[in-house]
Amino acid sequence: MILSDDNWRNIQLFRSLSNPKSLLNRFAPGNKETLKVEKLNERLLEFNRTFYSSNLMKLSVYSNESLETIEKWVFELFSPITNLSISKRNMNLHPPAFEIDKNMKKFVEIVPIKDLDVLEFIWVINEDLHKYYRTKPDTVLGHLFGHEGPNSLLSLLKEEGLATALIQSTDIDLDNSASFLVRIELTKKGFEKYQDVCELVFYYLKKLKEKTIDDWKVIFEEFSKIEEISFLFKDKMREITYVSKLVNNMRIYPAENALNGEHIMDIFDFELLMKILNIFTSDNLIIFFLSKNFQNKTSCHESFFNVHYNIFEIPEELMLRLRNPRSEIAQSKKMLDLPPKNPFIPKNFEILPKESIWPEPKRIYESEQSILWFKQGTDFNLPKIVIELKIFTDKYFIIYLLYN
């Protein structure tokens, strides 16, 4: 049940902190109490009569029948829907959910369900990110925060013994607003030194803001190529999942990009990247600090999910550290920087000729520590690989399945 899901609890708490007059400030899942609305059925019917208009709808149909047959079905089943010529709702007519100097710069201590110590950094982007789908600045920045290899924020936090995991996500809360979240799972040391963790996050942001247009272009082109490959060799999806995704894509992207809109990245816009990156400041920030250590020490209560929490302005001491982050607080010699150049992005997708294929798996590499076997598949003739790794130790073995 979502009542015991910390992610849902955090989402609802975040909504409850927004402007009460905004469209975000509501209870999205609904329950028995919120459905106790006077004349609910009549109000639903009135909503239907007012907004059930074909010009606001998208349709996706999946079938193995001919296009002529599908077109006939669609015409018969859906042509009766009236076009009321209703304009799309103008989100700018409603007050923004979050604004600097009004309901930002908050520090929230939360009692979670799971026994985890977690810091969540939430920046609000009051932009329609959908219109930047060919540039995807939020995706590029999310890729950098989520990177776990050399020069990454997570690798440094692990080296310092402060964190075990880092997850980045971007939620399009409204058509003209999004929230960029960085979630860091802390060690016990990380809990005690949470301000150091916060400062290192902002030191990483500082390093990103110092990068040149050429640095960013390399990152963009690498990520663009990966997205292109992901689309070209995408696995088949379940039919219901595919039509649902297409219908949503048609709402977000122009018709010509309904299939590849979420993967296309063909316009590098350095100024836009910097514009979005400069939104990530200490003034435009909400910090969620989750820990069982706050049990029985809270004064606020979110009623729908029964979340107990404290909320106050980000302490001035911490704000000073966020505005002037230092690298010296880290003891290790690890760098915070852009990821090194990726040498593994494929460029040649040619399939080996069938005459060179051997019928059984063949040992192609061997050393004291490893053995590598290869067997080429011929069913689908795609430049894709499935890797199965079996790593043996003295006491047990671990099996990893990696699909690319």
Protein backbone atom coordinates (compact mmCIF):
# COMPACT_ATOMS: atom_id res chain seq x y z
CA MET A 1 0.00 0.00 0.00
CA ILE A 2 1.21 3.50 -0.78
CA LEU A 3 0.49 4.62 2.80
CA SER A 4 3.66 2.81 3.87
CA ASP A 5 5.73 3.97 0.87
CA ASP A 6 8.22 6.68 1.83
CA ASN A 7 8.34 8.02 -1.74
CA TRP A 8 4.59 8.64 -1.78
CA ARG A 9 4.76 10.13 1.71
CA ASN A 10 7.47 12.55 0.60
CA ILE A 11 5.55 13.48 -2.56
CA GLN A 12 2.45 14.32 -0.56
CA LEU A 13 4.43 16.30 2.01
CA PHE A 14 6.10 18.23 -0.81
CA ARG A 15 2.66 19.01 -2.27
CA SER A 16 1.37 20.14 1.12
CA LEU A 17 4.25 22.65 1.39
CA SER A 18 3.28 24.31 -1.89
CA ASN A 19 1.11 27.40 -2.25
CA PRO A 20 -2.39 26.36 -1.04
CA LYS A 21 -3.91 28.15 -4.06
CA SER A 22 -1.73 26.33 -6.59
CA LEU A 23 -2.81 23.31 -8.61
CA LEU A 24 -0.09 21.23 -6.96
CA ASN A 25 -1.49 21.58 -3.46
CA ARG A 26 -3.89 18.66 -3.42
CA PHE A 27 -4.14 14.99 -2.45
CA ALA A 28 -3.49 13.19 -5.73
CA PRO A 29 -4.25 9.52 -4.84
CA GLY A 30 -7.62 10.21 -3.21
CA ASN A 31 -9.34 8.19 -0.46
CA LYS A 32 -12.75 7.54 1.03
CA GLU A 33 -12.76 10.84 2.89
CA THR A 34 -11.77 13.04 -0.06
CA LEU A 35 -14.47 11.41 -2.19
CA LYS A 36 -17.17 12.52 0.26
CA VAL A 37 -18.20 15.42 -1.95
CA GLU A 38 -21.74 16.68 -2.09
CA LYS A 39 -23.48 15.69 -5.36
CA LEU A 40 -20.27 14.04 -6.57
CA ASN A 41 -21.95 12.21 -9.46
CA GLU A 42 -23.60 15.37 -10.76
CA ARG A 43 -20.31 17.26 -10.58
CA LEU A 44 -18.51 14.50 -12.49
CA LEU A 45 -21.16 14.55 -15.19
CA GLU A 46 -20.91 18.32 -15.45
CA PHE A 47 -17.12 18.03 -15.76
CA ASN A 48 -17.64 15.47 -18.52
CA ARG A 49 -20.04 17.72 -20.43
CA THR A 50 -17.66 20.67 -20.13
CA PHE A 51 -14.28 19.12 -20.90
CA TYR A 52 -14.87 15.82 -22.70
CA SER A 53 -13.80 17.21 -26.06
CA SER A 54 -12.04 15.43 -28.92
CA ASN A 55 -9.60 18.30 -29.54
CA LEU A 56 -8.07 17.70 -26.09
CA MET A 57 -7.66 13.95 -26.60
CA LYS A 58 -5.01 11.65 -28.02
CA LEU A 59 -5.56 8.09 -29.23
CA SER A 60 -3.18 5.20 -29.79
CA VAL A 61 -4.35 1.85 -31.19
CA TYR A 62 -2.21 -1.31 -31.40
CA SER A 63 -3.37 -4.20 -33.56
CA ASN A 64 -2.14 -6.80 -36.03
CA GLU A 65 -5.05 -5.98 -38.34
CA SER A 66 -4.55 -3.94 -41.53
CA LEU A 67 -4.40 -0.14 -41.34
CA GLU A 68 -7.68 0.00 -43.28
CA THR A 69 -9.42 -2.16 -40.68
CA ILE A 70 -7.97 -0.21 -37.76
CA GLU A 71 -9.00 3.08 -39.36
CA LYS A 72 -12.54 1.76 -39.83
CA TRP A 73 -12.73 0.72 -36.15
CA VAL A 74 -11.42 4.06 -34.94
CA PHE A 75 -13.89 5.98 -37.08
CA GLU A 76 -16.83 3.89 -35.90
CA LEU A 77 -15.90 3.94 -32.20
CA PHE A 78 -14.53 7.44 -31.71
CA SER A 79 -16.09 9.78 -34.27
CA PRO A 80 -19.18 10.32 -32.05
CA ILE A 81 -16.98 12.21 -29.53
CA THR A 82 -17.85 15.88 -29.90
CA ASN A 83 -15.27 18.56 -30.57
CA LEU A 84 -16.12 21.39 -28.18
CA SER A 85 -13.08 23.40 -29.35
CA ILE A 86 -11.89 23.90 -25.80
CA SER A 87 -8.55 25.63 -25.29
CA LYS A 88 -5.85 23.87 -23.34
CA ARG A 89 -5.72 25.05 -19.76
CA ASN A 90 -3.37 28.02 -19.29
CA MET A 91 -1.21 27.08 -16.32
CA ASN A 92 0.15 30.60 -16.01
CA LEU A 93 -3.27 31.79 -14.84
CA HIS A 94 -2.74 29.88 -11.60
CA PRO A 95 -0.28 30.92 -8.86
CA PRO A 96 3.07 29.07 -8.87
CA ALA A 97 3.42 26.23 -6.40
CA PHE A 98 6.80 27.42 -5.11
CA GLU A 99 8.54 30.79 -5.21
CA ILE A 100 11.86 32.09 -3.90
CA ASP A 101 11.48 34.23 -0.75
CA LYS A 102 8.04 32.73 -0.12
CA ASN A 103 8.05 28.97 0.49
CA MET A 104 11.59 27.90 -0.42
CA LYS A 105 14.82 27.65 1.66
CA LYS A 106 13.11 25.09 3.91
CA PHE A 107 14.72 22.33 5.97
CA VAL A 108 12.32 19.49 6.79
CA GLU A 109 13.06 16.71 9.29
CA ILE A 110 10.89 13.67 8.55
CA VAL A 111 10.22 10.39 10.34
CA PRO A 112 10.25 7.72 7.59
CA ILE A 113 8.78 4.22 7.49
CA LYS A 114 12.07 2.54 6.52
CA ASP A 115 15.00 2.68 8.89
CA LEU A 116 17.18 4.74 6.54
CA ASP A 117 18.96 8.05 6.93
CA VAL A 118 18.38 10.06 3.76
CA LEU A 119 18.99 13.59 2.48
CA GLU A 120 16.84 14.81 -0.39
CA PHE A 121 17.65 18.05 -2.22
CA ILE A 122 14.70 19.46 -4.17
CA TRP A 123 15.05 22.35 -6.60
CA VAL A 124 11.94 23.76 -8.27
CA ILE A 125 12.20 24.64 -11.98
CA ASN A 126 9.37 26.99 -12.95
CA GLU A 127 9.69 26.19 -16.66
CA ASP A 128 7.86 24.07 -19.20
CA LEU A 129 10.63 21.50 -19.67
CA HIS A 130 8.63 19.71 -22.36
CA LYS A 131 9.39 22.47 -24.85
CA TYR A 132 13.12 21.78 -24.42
CA TYR A 133 12.81 18.15 -25.43
CA ARG A 134 15.39 18.44 -28.23
CA THR A 135 17.95 19.81 -25.75
CA LYS A 136 16.87 18.11 -22.50
CA PRO A 137 18.89 20.25 -20.05
CA ASP A 138 17.35 18.53 -17.01
CA THR A 139 18.24 15.10 -18.44
CA VAL A 140 21.86 16.13 -19.01
CA LEU A 141 22.16 17.47 -15.46
CA GLY A 142 20.41 14.41 -14.07
CA HIS A 143 22.89 12.21 -15.94
CA LEU A 144 25.80 14.02 -14.26
CA PHE A 145 24.34 13.79 -10.76
CA GLY A 146 23.41 10.15 -11.27
CA HIS A 147 26.86 9.24 -12.61
CA GLU A 148 28.62 6.80 -10.27
CA GLY A 149 32.07 6.44 -11.88
CA PRO A 150 35.28 8.48 -11.62
CA ASN A 151 34.90 12.17 -10.66
CA SER A 152 31.28 11.59 -9.55
CA LEU A 153 29.65 13.01 -6.46
CA LEU A 154 28.66 9.54 -5.25
CA SER A 155 32.19 8.13 -5.60
CA LEU A 156 33.51 10.93 -3.37
CA LEU A 157 30.75 10.51 -0.78
CA LYS A 158 31.47 6.77 -0.65
CA GLU A 159 35.21 7.37 -0.32
CA GLU A 160 34.48 9.68 2.61
CA GLY A 161 32.23 7.06 4.20
CA LEU A 162 29.26 9.43 4.09
CA ALA A 163 26.82 7.73 1.69
CA THR A 164 25.90 4.40 0.13
CA ALA A 165 23.66 5.43 -2.77
CA LEU A 166 22.56 8.44 -4.82
CA ILE A 167 19.47 8.68 -7.02
CA GLN A 168 18.42 11.57 -9.22
CA SER A 169 14.95 12.11 -10.66
CA THR A 170 13.00 14.90 -12.33
CA ASP A 171 9.25 15.08 -11.85
CA ILE A 172 7.12 17.23 -14.14
CA ASP A 173 4.71 18.28 -11.40
CA LEU A 174 2.72 20.65 -13.64
CA ASP A 175 3.01 21.61 -17.30
CA ASN A 176 4.92 24.75 -16.31
CA SER A 177 6.80 23.44 -13.29
CA ALA A 178 9.13 20.59 -12.37
CA SER A 179 11.09 19.40 -9.36
CA PHE A 180 14.69 18.19 -9.67
CA LEU A 181 15.51 15.79 -6.85
CA VAL A 182 18.84 14.39 -5.64
CA ARG A 183 18.38 11.65 -3.03
CA ILE A 184 21.40 10.51 -0.99
CA GLU A 185 21.25 7.51 1.35
CA LEU A 186 23.58 8.20 4.25
CA THR A 187 25.80 6.08 6.45
CA LYS A 188 25.73 6.65 10.22
CA LYS A 189 28.76 8.88 9.75
CA GLY A 190 26.88 10.69 6.97
CA PHE A 191 23.98 11.33 9.32
CA GLU A 192 26.28 12.93 11.88
CA LYS A 193 28.07 14.96 9.20
CA TYR A 194 25.02 15.80 7.08
CA GLN A 195 26.19 19.40 6.67
CA ASP A 196 29.39 18.13 5.04
CA VAL A 197 27.25 16.13 2.61
CA CYS A 198 25.20 19.24 1.79
CA GLU A 199 28.36 21.27 1.23
CA LEU A 200 29.86 18.65 -1.10
CA VAL A 201 26.65 18.63 -3.18
CA PHE A 202 26.98 22.38 -3.65
CA TYR A 203 30.71 22.14 -4.31
CA TYR A 204 29.84 19.75 -7.15
CA LEU A 205 27.34 22.30 -8.46
CA LYS A 206 30.05 24.95 -8.27
CA LYS A 207 32.40 22.77 -10.32
CA LEU A 208 29.70 22.21 -12.96
CA LYS A 209 29.05 25.96 -13.25
CA GLU A 210 32.75 26.57 -13.93
CA LYS A 211 32.83 24.33 -17.01
CA THR A 212 33.25 25.79 -20.50
CA ILE A 213 30.98 25.45 -23.50
CA ASP A 214 33.39 22.91 -24.99
CA ASP A 215 33.25 20.75 -21.85
CA TRP A 216 29.46 20.71 -21.95
CA LYS A 217 29.37 20.00 -25.67
CA VAL A 218 31.40 16.80 -25.18
CA ILE A 219 29.01 15.60 -22.45
CA PHE A 220 25.95 16.51 -24.53
CA GLU A 221 27.20 14.74 -27.64
CA GLU A 222 28.08 11.58 -25.72
CA PHE A 223 24.70 11.45 -24.01
CA SER A 224 22.92 12.29 -27.28
CA LYS A 225 24.64 9.34 -28.97
CA ILE A 226 23.67 6.98 -26.14
CA GLU A 227 20.03 8.11 -26.40
CA GLU A 228 20.09 7.61 -30.18
CA ILE A 229 21.43 4.06 -29.76
CA SER A 230 18.84 3.34 -27.06
CA PHE A 231 16.05 4.31 -29.45
CA LEU A 232 17.42 2.48 -32.49
CA PHE A 233 17.80 -0.81 -30.61
CA LYS A 234 14.95 -0.50 -28.15
CA ASP A 235 13.38 -3.78 -27.00
CA LYS A 236 9.76 -4.49 -27.80
CA MET A 237 7.42 -3.37 -25.02
CA ARG A 238 4.19 -4.89 -23.75
CA GLU A 239 1.36 -3.68 -25.96
CA ILE A 240 -0.58 -1.90 -23.21
CA THR A 241 2.60 -0.18 -21.99
CA TYR A 242 3.51 0.90 -25.51
CA VAL A 243 0.14 2.47 -26.40
CA SER A 244 0.02 4.22 -23.02
CA LYS A 245 3.48 5.69 -23.61
CA LEU A 246 2.59 6.76 -27.17
CA VAL A 247 -0.57 8.50 -26.06
CA ASN A 248 1.38 10.41 -23.41
CA ASN A 249 4.12 11.24 -25.92
CA MET A 250 1.53 12.72 -28.29
CA ARG A 251 0.44 15.01 -25.48
CA ILE A 252 4.02 16.19 -24.89
CA TYR A 253 5.76 16.13 -28.28
CA PRO A 254 4.83 17.14 -31.84
CA ALA A 255 3.33 14.33 -33.91
CA GLU A 256 6.57 13.79 -35.87
CA ASN A 257 8.42 13.03 -32.61
CA ALA A 258 5.79 10.91 -30.87
CA LEU A 259 7.99 7.81 -31.25
CA ASN A 260 11.41 9.25 -30.43
CA GLY A 261 10.64 12.40 -28.41
CA GLU A 262 11.97 11.03 -25.14
CA HIS A 263 15.27 10.02 -26.79
CA ILE A 264 15.97 12.74 -29.36
CA MET A 265 18.73 15.20 -28.40
CA ASP A 266 19.86 17.06 -31.51
CA ILE A 267 20.15 20.70 -30.37
CA PHE A 268 23.01 21.72 -28.08
CA ASP A 269 22.07 24.94 -26.24
CA PHE A 270 24.78 26.00 -23.79
CA GLU A 271 22.88 29.10 -22.63
CA LEU A 272 19.81 27.03 -21.79
CA LEU A 273 21.93 24.50 -19.88
CA MET A 274 23.45 27.32 -17.82
CA LYS A 275 20.04 28.89 -17.28
CA ILE A 276 18.67 25.67 -15.77
CA LEU A 277 21.87 24.93 -13.84
CA ASN A 278 21.80 28.41 -12.28
CA ILE A 279 18.37 27.61 -10.86
CA PHE A 280 20.12 25.18 -8.50
CA THR A 281 20.86 27.61 -5.68
CA SER A 282 20.47 27.55 -1.91
CA ASP A 283 17.64 30.12 -2.20
CA ASN A 284 15.63 27.83 -4.50
CA LEU A 285 15.98 24.71 -2.37
CA ILE A 286 14.02 22.46 -0.05
CA ILE A 287 15.96 19.85 1.95
CA PHE A 288 14.21 16.74 3.25
CA PHE A 289 16.16 14.98 6.02
CA LEU A 290 14.67 11.54 6.77
CA SER A 291 15.69 9.54 9.83
CA LYS A 292 14.22 7.42 12.61
CA ASN A 293 16.29 9.62 14.93
CA PHE A 294 13.53 12.23 14.67
CA GLN A 295 10.95 9.82 16.15
CA ASN A 296 8.93 11.50 18.94
CA LYS A 297 10.75 14.80 18.30
CA THR A 298 8.42 16.36 15.74
CA SER A 299 5.75 19.05 16.00
CA CYS A 300 4.02 18.90 12.59
CA HIS A 301 1.76 16.30 11.02
CA GLU A 302 0.66 15.62 7.44
CA SER A 303 -2.79 14.06 7.77
CA PHE A 304 -3.25 12.03 4.56
CA PHE A 305 -0.13 9.87 4.98
CA ASN A 306 0.35 10.43 8.70
CA VAL A 307 3.81 11.94 8.17
CA HIS A 308 5.41 13.42 11.28
CA TYR A 309 7.91 16.18 10.60
CA ASN A 310 9.53 19.46 11.62
CA ILE A 311 9.97 22.38 9.23
CA PHE A 312 12.06 25.51 9.54
CA GLU A 313 14.26 27.81 7.50
CA ILE A 314 17.57 26.33 6.39
CA PRO A 315 19.91 27.22 9.30
CA GLU A 316 22.15 30.21 8.62
CA GLU A 317 25.29 28.21 9.37
CA LEU A 318 24.35 25.70 6.70
CA MET A 319 23.34 28.44 4.24
CA LEU A 320 26.81 29.99 4.55
CA ARG A 321 28.39 26.63 3.71
CA LEU A 322 26.10 26.15 0.71
CA ARG A 323 26.85 29.60 -0.66
CA ASN A 324 30.62 29.18 -0.25
CA PRO A 325 31.26 25.43 -0.57
CA ARG A 326 34.82 24.16 -0.02
CA SER A 327 36.52 21.02 -1.25
CA GLU A 328 38.82 20.97 1.78
CA ILE A 329 36.20 19.24 3.93
CA ALA A 330 36.87 16.04 1.96
CA GLN A 331 39.78 13.97 3.27
CA SER A 332 40.27 11.83 0.16
CA LYS A 333 42.09 12.87 -3.01
CA LYS A 334 39.13 12.03 -5.27
CA MET A 335 38.12 14.80 -7.67
CA LEU A 336 34.69 16.20 -8.32
CA ASP A 337 34.47 16.84 -12.04
CA LEU A 338 32.73 15.88 -15.26
CA PRO A 339 32.86 12.17 -16.12
CA PRO A 340 35.92 11.13 -18.13
CA LYS A 341 35.40 10.60 -21.85
CA ASN A 342 33.40 7.43 -22.48
CA PRO A 343 35.42 5.11 -24.77
CA PHE A 344 32.70 2.45 -24.89
CA ILE A 345 30.07 4.22 -27.01
CA PRO A 346 29.71 1.92 -30.04
CA LYS A 347 30.23 3.29 -33.54
CA ASN A 348 30.13 0.14 -35.68
CA PHE A 349 26.89 -1.86 -35.67
CA GLU A 350 27.77 -4.34 -38.39
CA ILE A 351 26.86 -7.97 -37.67
CA LEU A 352 29.56 -10.61 -38.04
CA PRO A 353 29.03 -12.66 -41.20
CA LYS A 354 27.27 -15.99 -40.62
CA GLU A 355 30.09 -17.99 -42.13
CA SER A 356 32.35 -16.91 -39.24
CA ILE A 357 29.94 -18.17 -36.56
CA TRP A 358 30.80 -21.31 -34.68
CA PRO A 359 27.97 -23.53 -33.42
CA GLU A 360 29.10 -23.83 -29.79
CA PRO A 361 30.30 -21.29 -27.20
CA LYS A 362 34.00 -20.58 -27.69
CA ARG A 363 36.59 -19.59 -25.11
CA ILE A 364 38.09 -16.35 -26.47
CA TYR A 365 40.05 -15.11 -23.44
CA GLU A 366 41.59 -16.65 -20.36
CA SER A 367 43.76 -15.43 -17.50
CA GLU A 368 44.49 -16.50 -13.91
CA GLN A 369 41.45 -14.51 -12.74
CA SER A 370 38.90 -14.84 -15.51
CA ILE A 371 37.59 -16.81 -18.47
CA LEU A 372 35.54 -15.24 -21.26
CA TRP A 373 33.19 -17.30 -23.47
CA PHE A 374 31.40 -16.07 -26.58
CA LYS A 375 28.42 -17.45 -28.52
CA GLN A 376 26.85 -15.35 -31.24
CA GLY A 377 23.06 -15.33 -31.52
CA THR A 378 21.56 -15.51 -35.00
CA ASP A 379 17.82 -15.32 -34.31
CA PHE A 380 17.36 -11.54 -34.50
CA ASN A 381 20.62 -10.30 -36.07
CA LEU A 382 20.87 -7.21 -33.90
CA PRO A 383 24.06 -5.59 -32.55
CA LYS A 384 23.01 -6.22 -28.95
CA ILE A 385 24.61 -8.25 -26.24
CA VAL A 386 23.53 -10.16 -23.15
CA ILE A 387 26.29 -10.61 -20.61
CA GLU A 388 26.16 -13.13 -17.78
CA LEU A 389 28.89 -12.78 -15.19
CA LYS A 390 29.57 -15.37 -12.50
CA ILE A 391 31.99 -14.05 -9.91
CA PHE A 392 33.40 -16.72 -7.59
CA THR A 393 35.04 -16.17 -4.21
CA ASP A 394 36.42 -18.65 -1.69
CA LYS A 395 33.08 -18.98 0.09
CA TYR A 396 30.31 -18.19 -2.39
CA PHE A 397 29.56 -16.86 -5.85
CA ILE A 398 27.43 -14.00 -7.08
CA ILE A 399 25.62 -13.98 -10.42
CA TYR A 400 25.02 -10.69 -12.24
CA LEU A 401 22.83 -10.48 -15.34
CA LEU A 402 23.48 -7.39 -17.43
CA TYR A 403 21.43 -6.63 -20.54
CA ASN A 404 22.58 -4.05 -23.09
